[in-house]
Structure formats: C-alpha cells, structure tokens
C-alpha cells in the first residue's frame, strides 16, 4: 500500500522521480508531482517499507534544491541536493542510495 501526500496550496509544480536502493540494488522507484516549497511524502508498507519526504525549491534559473528524508528498513538518510531540471542527482550514504530527477510541470 502506498500513500502520497501533497498539500493543496502553493506555487509552481514539479515532477520528482526517485530511485531508492540498498547495497546497489534498487528496491523502489516512486514518483510524484509536488508543489514548490511545500513538504510532500510517499510512504509504502509491505516487504520493503519506506517513507520518502521531500521539499522542492527553485533557487535560480536552472537550480532546484531538494531537501529529502528517506527512512527504510535498511536505514535512513537526509540529504539536501541542488540539481538542474531533468538531470539526475545521486546520494549514497551507509549503503542507502537515493537518485532524484526533477522537472518543472507546465
């Protein structure tokens, strides 16, 4: 079962695609459309439960900040990355991997 939570009021929309991995093996690939500056979350229960929370903020033309928290049965990470639209960014800490790709919704 999965739950996606996105608040109702804010400006710009962004499509966020994520890949979650442990030890180099992808175990989830959630995606969501989120509002700039508003926290959003994806939570899944079952064999490989996880919760992904993120906030997206445009810093400047071509620069988007993503503040993320990932909680899994394998561990947790809380990276902040700055990405260019459509260009994947990856973080790996303690065997937990997170790849994020963000594009603006029109």
Protein backbone atom coordinates (compact mmCIF):
# COMPACT_ATOMS: atom_id res chain seq x y z
CA UNK A 1 0.00 0.00 0.00
CA UNK A 2 1.32 3.46 -0.83
CA UNK A 3 0.29 6.91 0.28
CA UNK A 4 1.22 10.17 -1.44
CA UNK A 5 0.69 13.39 0.48
CA UNK A 6 0.79 16.80 -1.21
CA UNK A 7 -0.61 19.99 0.40
CA UNK A 8 -3.26 21.88 -1.55
CA UNK A 9 -1.82 25.42 -1.73
CA UNK A 10 1.47 26.68 -3.19
CA UNK A 11 3.03 27.95 -6.40
CA UNK A 12 4.97 26.01 -9.09
CA UNK A 13 4.60 22.29 -9.66
CA UNK A 14 7.49 19.87 -10.11
CA UNK A 15 7.58 16.21 -11.15
CA UNK A 16 10.02 14.28 -8.97
CA UNK A 17 11.20 10.77 -9.87
CA UNK A 18 13.22 8.86 -7.28
CA UNK A 19 15.07 5.57 -7.06
CA UNK A 20 15.78 4.08 -3.64
CA UNK A 21 18.48 1.45 -3.32
CA UNK A 22 20.32 -0.59 -0.73
CA UNK A 23 23.71 -2.08 -1.46
CA UNK A 24 23.39 -1.04 -5.11
CA UNK A 25 20.06 -2.83 -5.65
CA UNK A 26 17.04 -0.63 -6.44
CA UNK A 27 14.06 -1.59 -4.27
CA UNK A 28 11.67 1.28 -5.06
CA UNK A 29 11.11 3.91 -7.76
CA UNK A 30 8.40 6.33 -6.56
CA UNK A 31 7.38 9.47 -8.40
CA UNK A 32 5.11 12.37 -7.52
CA UNK A 33 4.11 15.84 -8.59
CA UNK A 34 4.87 18.28 -5.76
CA UNK A 35 4.32 21.96 -5.07
CA UNK A 36 7.32 24.25 -4.63
CA UNK A 37 8.14 24.98 -1.00
CA UNK A 38 5.58 22.54 0.42
CA UNK A 39 6.57 19.25 2.09
CA UNK A 40 5.41 16.10 0.28
CA UNK A 41 5.75 12.45 1.19
CA UNK A 42 5.44 8.96 -0.25
CA UNK A 43 5.04 6.09 2.19
CA UNK A 44 4.88 2.40 1.30
CA UNK A 45 4.31 -0.57 3.58
CA UNK A 46 4.93 -4.23 2.78
CA UNK A 47 8.05 -6.30 2.12
CA UNK A 48 10.32 -3.25 1.54
CA UNK A 49 8.67 -0.44 3.51
CA UNK A 50 9.94 3.12 3.14
CA UNK A 51 9.00 6.74 3.62
CA UNK A 52 10.35 9.47 1.35
CA UNK A 53 9.76 13.07 2.38
CA UNK A 54 10.89 15.99 0.26
CA UNK A 55 10.60 19.69 -0.31
CA UNK A 56 11.49 21.28 -3.65
CA UNK A 57 12.55 24.91 -4.03
CA UNK A 58 13.76 26.76 -7.11
CA UNK A 59 16.88 28.70 -6.16
CA UNK A 60 17.62 30.32 -9.53
CA UNK A 61 17.13 29.61 -13.21
CA UNK A 62 18.38 26.09 -13.70
CA UNK A 63 18.93 25.34 -9.98
CA UNK A 64 16.45 23.40 -7.87
CA UNK A 65 17.07 22.48 -4.24
CA UNK A 66 15.63 19.23 -2.89
CA UNK A 67 15.61 18.59 0.85
CA UNK A 68 14.87 14.88 1.34
CA UNK A 69 14.49 12.37 4.15
CA UNK A 70 14.46 8.64 3.44
CA UNK A 71 13.50 6.11 6.12
CA UNK A 72 13.76 2.42 5.18
CA UNK A 73 14.14 -0.89 6.96
CA UNK A 74 17.80 -0.71 5.83
CA UNK A 75 18.47 2.70 7.43
CA UNK A 76 17.87 6.41 6.94
CA UNK A 77 19.46 9.34 5.11
CA UNK A 78 18.59 13.04 4.96
CA UNK A 79 20.39 14.70 2.03
CA UNK A 80 19.97 18.16 0.55
CA UNK A 81 20.93 18.41 -3.12
CA UNK A 82 20.87 21.12 -5.77
CA UNK A 83 20.01 19.83 -9.23
CA UNK A 84 19.39 21.09 -12.74
CA UNK A 85 15.96 20.30 -14.21
CA UNK A 86 15.95 16.88 -15.84
CA UNK A 87 19.47 15.97 -14.67
CA UNK A 88 19.61 13.11 -12.12
CA UNK A 89 21.46 13.59 -8.82
CA UNK A 90 22.58 10.66 -6.65
CA UNK A 91 23.47 10.32 -2.99
CA UNK A 92 24.72 7.18 -1.26
CA UNK A 93 25.36 7.00 2.48
CA UNK A 94 25.72 3.91 4.60
CA UNK A 95 24.59 1.70 1.73
CA UNK A 96 21.33 3.63 1.25
CA UNK A 97 21.10 5.22 -2.20
CA UNK A 98 18.78 7.93 -3.48
CA UNK A 99 18.64 9.19 -7.05
CA UNK A 100 16.40 12.18 -7.80
CA UNK A 101 15.32 13.75 -11.09
CA UNK A 102 13.15 16.88 -11.06
CA UNK A 103 11.36 18.59 -13.94
CA UNK A 104 9.00 21.56 -13.96
CA UNK A 105 5.37 20.78 -14.66
CA UNK A 106 3.57 23.13 -17.04
